[in-house]
Amino acid sequence: MRFQDKVCLVTGAASGIGRATAERMAKEGGKVAVIDLNGEAAAKVAEGITQAGGTALAIAANVGNLSDVEAAVEKAYRSWGRIDVLVNNAALMRFTPVLETEETDWDLVIRTNLNSVFNFTRLCLKRMKAGAIVNVSSVHAHENTANCASYAASKGAIEAFSRALSRELPDGIRVNCVAPGAVNTPMLWNNPNVKSGKEKVEGAVGEPADLSAAICFLAADEARFVQGATLIVDGGRLDIL
């Protein structure tokens, strides 16, 4: 029970990687805040965790909105009196060439994917005495894919932020990244590069559980000597492009 009585905040937890992570942490004894823009879906995930004998709290929040982030962190902290684990997973993608990308779309991606990591991190750190932060990056931070520069930029920045932050954290608190490849979630199948056949993913698609296993490893005490690292979990994707 790696997360016994630990308070774990997971963003984007109503589906995909976030849901798998929330459910795994709860199964291993964690008290999990299921944070998502879709409050109804978050409530269903939290209800499922509770029915399975776990402890969960659903929190509806737009992670790109600072006031929502503040309210989410405060609600979790008031409910359980501590914060031990933060998983910054929430993200969105926009598929347009740079020359067709409006500033508003760029800002939306950066605000949702990157600013949320900064805001959740700094607010949780004020309440953490020990524990771990795991930020979900992407192989898009390491490879070239057409028409998603804003997403790639946000994910590359998350990794750089995590490395820099690792130099500032007090003893007992760690920060690391997981960089997923193609994962069987709606985000993958909604990618027009995949739909058009320009990006081949057959045979190299992971499941949300594959990523939740990696995230939980980095969040648990067994990874106590891992700091400022990025764990690429992509089924060898970067090697075959």
Protein backbone atom coordinates (compact mmCIF):
# COMPACT_ATOMS: atom_id res chain seq x y z
CA MET A 1 0.00 0.00 0.00
CA ARG A 2 2.39 2.67 -1.25
CA PHE A 3 -0.03 5.55 -0.71
CA GLN A 4 -1.64 4.52 2.55
CA ASP A 5 -3.30 7.61 4.07
CA LYS A 6 -1.46 9.93 1.67
CA VAL A 7 -3.44 12.76 0.09
CA CYS A 8 -3.02 12.68 -3.68
CA LEU A 9 -4.21 15.39 -6.07
CA VAL A 10 -4.62 14.31 -9.70
CA THR A 11 -5.64 16.76 -12.42
CA GLY A 12 -7.41 15.66 -15.58
CA ALA A 13 -8.56 12.67 -13.54
CA ALA A 14 -11.97 12.04 -15.09
CA SER A 15 -10.60 9.95 -17.96
CA GLY A 16 -7.54 8.39 -19.55
CA ILE A 17 -4.20 8.52 -17.78
CA GLY A 18 -5.51 10.72 -14.96
CA ARG A 19 -8.38 8.37 -14.16
CA ALA A 20 -6.13 5.31 -14.19
CA THR A 21 -3.71 7.10 -11.87
CA ALA A 22 -6.40 8.22 -9.45
CA GLU A 23 -7.88 4.74 -9.28
CA ARG A 24 -4.48 3.08 -8.78
CA MET A 25 -3.49 5.49 -6.01
CA ALA A 26 -6.81 4.96 -4.26
CA LYS A 27 -6.45 1.19 -4.55
CA GLU A 28 -3.08 1.53 -2.84
CA GLY A 29 -4.52 3.42 0.10
CA GLY A 30 -4.42 7.02 -1.08
CA LYS A 31 -7.03 9.69 -0.42
CA VAL A 32 -7.49 11.02 -3.93
CA ALA A 33 -8.77 14.38 -5.14
CA VAL A 34 -10.21 13.72 -8.61
CA ILE A 35 -9.82 17.09 -10.31
CA ASP A 36 -11.28 17.73 -13.75
CA LEU A 37 -13.02 20.34 -15.88
CA ASN A 38 -15.87 17.87 -16.28
CA GLY A 39 -17.29 17.84 -12.78
CA GLU A 40 -19.93 15.22 -13.56
CA ALA A 41 -17.35 12.78 -14.93
CA ALA A 42 -15.05 13.48 -11.97
CA ALA A 43 -17.91 12.68 -9.60
CA LYS A 44 -18.47 9.33 -11.33
CA VAL A 45 -14.81 8.42 -10.99
CA ALA A 46 -14.81 9.40 -7.31
CA GLU A 47 -18.00 7.43 -6.75
CA GLY A 48 -16.45 4.36 -8.36
CA ILE A 49 -13.40 4.66 -6.13
CA THR A 50 -15.59 4.95 -3.05
CA GLN A 51 -17.72 1.97 -4.04
CA ALA A 52 -14.53 -0.06 -4.44
CA GLY A 53 -13.59 0.74 -0.85
CA GLY A 54 -11.30 3.70 -1.51
CA THR A 55 -11.42 7.36 -0.52
CA ALA A 56 -11.96 10.07 -3.11
CA LEU A 57 -13.20 13.61 -3.52
CA ALA A 58 -14.42 15.02 -6.83
CA ILE A 59 -13.44 18.62 -7.61
CA ALA A 60 -14.63 20.44 -10.72
CA ALA A 61 -11.99 22.93 -11.85
CA ASN A 62 -10.69 24.67 -14.94
CA VAL A 63 -6.97 24.17 -14.35
CA GLY A 64 -6.18 27.13 -16.59
CA ASN A 65 -8.03 29.44 -14.21
CA LEU A 66 -6.01 30.49 -11.15
CA SER A 67 -9.03 30.97 -8.92
CA ASP A 68 -10.22 27.44 -9.74
CA VAL A 69 -6.77 26.06 -8.93
CA GLU A 70 -6.71 27.91 -5.62
CA ALA A 71 -10.16 26.59 -4.73
CA ALA A 72 -9.27 23.01 -5.69
CA VAL A 73 -6.10 22.94 -3.60
CA GLU A 74 -7.85 24.54 -0.65
CA LYS A 75 -10.77 22.09 -0.83
CA ALA A 76 -8.47 19.07 -0.81
CA TYR A 77 -6.37 20.49 2.00
CA ARG A 78 -9.37 21.38 4.16
CA SER A 79 -10.88 17.94 3.59
CA TRP A 80 -7.82 15.95 4.66
CA GLY A 81 -5.42 18.40 6.34
CA ARG A 82 -2.38 17.60 4.22
CA ILE A 83 -1.05 17.18 0.68
CA ASP A 84 1.48 14.47 -0.12
CA VAL A 85 1.31 13.87 -3.87
CA LEU A 86 0.49 16.08 -6.84
CA VAL A 87 0.06 14.71 -10.35
CA ASN A 88 -0.19 17.45 -12.98
CA ASN A 89 -1.82 15.54 -15.82
CA ALA A 90 -4.50 17.83 -17.31
CA ALA A 91 -3.79 18.99 -20.86
CA LEU A 92 -5.29 19.78 -24.23
CA MET A 93 -4.02 19.90 -27.81
CA ARG A 94 -4.69 22.19 -30.76
CA PHE A 95 -3.80 21.00 -34.25
CA THR A 96 -2.99 23.97 -36.46
CA PRO A 97 0.11 25.13 -38.33
CA VAL A 98 1.96 27.93 -36.57
CA LEU A 99 0.99 30.45 -39.24
CA GLU A 100 -2.67 29.61 -38.65
CA THR A 101 -2.48 29.56 -34.85
CA GLU A 102 -4.25 32.49 -33.24
CA GLU A 103 -2.76 33.97 -30.10
CA THR A 104 -5.90 33.06 -28.18
CA ASP A 105 -5.45 29.37 -29.05
CA TRP A 106 -1.75 29.50 -28.15
CA ASP A 107 -2.60 31.12 -24.82
CA LEU A 108 -5.28 28.52 -24.09
CA VAL A 109 -2.84 25.64 -24.56
CA ILE A 110 -0.08 27.28 -22.53
CA ARG A 111 -2.48 28.31 -19.78
CA THR A 112 -4.02 24.83 -19.53
CA ASN A 113 -0.92 22.71 -19.97
CA LEU A 114 1.88 24.79 -18.46
CA ASN A 115 0.48 27.54 -16.24
CA SER A 116 -1.64 24.95 -14.43
CA VAL A 117 1.51 23.02 -13.54
CA PHE A 118 3.12 26.16 -12.14
CA ASN A 119 0.04 27.20 -10.17
CA PHE A 120 -0.82 23.79 -8.71
CA THR A 121 2.82 23.21 -7.85
CA ARG A 122 3.45 26.45 -5.99
CA LEU A 123 0.15 26.27 -4.11
CA CYS A 124 0.64 22.63 -3.10
CA LEU A 125 4.26 23.20 -2.07
CA LYS A 126 3.07 25.71 0.50
CA ARG A 127 1.18 22.87 2.15
CA MET A 128 3.54 19.93 1.57
CA LYS A 129 5.99 18.82 4.24
CA ALA A 130 7.16 15.83 2.21
CA GLY A 131 6.07 13.96 -0.87
CA ALA A 132 6.28 14.00 -4.62
CA ILE A 133 5.16 15.92 -7.67
CA VAL A 134 4.82 14.12 -11.00
CA ASN A 135 4.29 16.22 -14.12
CA VAL A 136 2.98 14.60 -17.28
CA SER A 137 4.95 15.71 -20.30
CA SER A 138 4.91 14.01 -23.73
CA VAL A 139 7.17 12.55 -26.38
CA HIS A 140 6.13 15.64 -28.34
CA ALA A 141 8.72 17.48 -26.23
CA HIS A 142 11.38 15.35 -27.94
CA GLU A 143 10.17 14.76 -31.50
CA ASN A 144 8.78 16.65 -34.48
CA THR A 145 5.10 16.23 -35.31
CA ALA A 146 3.19 18.47 -37.66
CA ASN A 147 0.75 21.12 -36.52
CA CYS A 148 0.96 20.90 -32.74
CA ALA A 149 3.74 23.37 -31.89
CA SER A 150 1.83 24.90 -28.98
CA TYR A 151 1.40 21.50 -27.35
CA ALA A 152 5.04 20.55 -27.92
CA ALA A 153 6.20 23.89 -26.51
CA SER A 154 4.09 23.45 -23.38
CA LYS A 155 5.39 19.94 -22.77
CA GLY A 156 9.02 20.89 -23.34
CA ALA A 157 8.59 23.74 -20.89
CA ILE A 158 7.12 21.38 -18.29
CA GLU A 159 10.26 19.25 -18.39
CA ALA A 160 12.54 22.29 -18.13
CA PHE A 161 10.46 23.68 -15.27
CA SER A 162 10.65 20.36 -13.43
CA ARG A 163 14.43 20.15 -13.77
CA ALA A 164 14.83 23.71 -12.51
CA LEU A 165 12.39 23.17 -9.65
CA SER A 166 14.22 20.06 -8.52
CA ARG A 167 17.13 22.33 -7.53
CA GLU A 168 14.91 24.42 -5.26
CA LEU A 169 12.89 21.85 -3.37
CA PRO A 170 13.53 21.15 0.31
CA ASP A 171 14.66 17.71 1.42
CA GLY A 172 11.84 15.21 1.33
CA ILE A 173 10.01 16.62 -1.69
CA ARG A 174 10.74 15.39 -5.22
CA VAL A 175 9.61 16.40 -8.72
CA ASN A 176 9.83 14.27 -11.86
CA CYS A 177 8.16 13.91 -15.24
CA VAL A 178 6.59 11.12 -17.23
CA ALA A 179 6.59 11.51 -21.02
CA PRO A 180 3.92 9.29 -22.60
CA GLY A 181 3.97 8.21 -26.20
CA ALA A 182 0.81 7.12 -27.99
CA VAL A 183 -1.75 6.06 -25.39
CA ASN A 184 -5.23 4.68 -25.97
CA THR A 185 -7.18 7.79 -24.96
CA PRO A 186 -9.51 10.16 -26.84
CA MET A 187 -6.64 12.64 -27.24
CA LEU A 188 -4.77 10.15 -29.41
CA TRP A 189 -7.67 9.18 -31.66
CA ASN A 190 -8.77 12.80 -32.07
CA ASN A 191 -5.33 13.66 -33.46
CA PRO A 192 -5.86 14.49 -37.16
CA ASN A 193 -2.34 13.27 -37.94
CA VAL A 194 -3.42 9.83 -36.72
CA LYS A 195 -6.79 9.96 -38.49
CA SER A 196 -5.17 10.84 -41.81
CA GLY A 197 -2.57 8.09 -41.52
CA LYS A 198 0.32 10.55 -41.52
CA GLU A 199 1.32 9.33 -38.07
CA LYS A 200 1.56 5.57 -37.64
CA VAL A 201 0.72 4.30 -34.16
CA GLU A 202 -0.33 0.71 -34.78
CA GLY A 203 1.61 -1.65 -32.55
CA ALA A 204 2.97 1.16 -30.41
CA VAL A 205 -0.08 2.21 -28.42
CA GLY A 206 0.00 1.93 -24.64
CA GLU A 207 -2.88 1.80 -22.19
CA PRO A 208 -3.61 4.33 -19.44
CA ALA A 209 -2.60 1.68 -16.90
CA ASP A 210 0.90 1.60 -18.38
CA LEU A 211 1.31 5.29 -17.61
CA SER A 212 -0.34 5.14 -14.21
CA ALA A 213 2.17 2.48 -13.20
CA ALA A 214 5.05 4.79 -14.12
CA ILE A 215 3.46 7.79 -12.42
CA CYS A 216 2.80 5.86 -9.22
CA PHE A 217 6.38 4.61 -9.17
CA LEU A 218 7.73 8.16 -9.32
CA ALA A 219 5.22 9.34 -6.72
CA ALA A 220 6.01 6.55 -4.26
CA ASP A 221 8.80 6.32 -1.71
CA GLU A 222 10.54 3.59 -3.73
CA ALA A 223 11.64 6.35 -6.14
CA ARG A 224 13.14 8.41 -3.33
CA PHE A 225 16.47 8.76 -5.19
CA VAL A 226 14.88 9.95 -8.46
CA GLN A 227 14.82 13.73 -8.75
CA GLY A 228 14.39 16.06 -11.72
CA ALA A 229 14.15 13.19 -14.19
CA THR A 230 11.92 12.51 -17.18
CA LEU A 231 10.81 8.90 -17.60
CA ILE A 232 9.84 8.22 -21.22
CA VAL A 233 7.05 5.64 -21.42
CA ASP A 234 6.36 5.18 -25.11
CA GLY A 235 6.83 1.55 -26.11
CA GLY A 236 10.00 2.51 -27.97
CA ARG A 237 8.21 5.13 -30.06
CA LEU A 238 11.12 7.58 -30.14
CA ASP A 239 13.41 4.81 -31.39
CA ILE A 240 11.21 3.88 -34.36
CA LEU A 241 10.24 7.27 -35.77
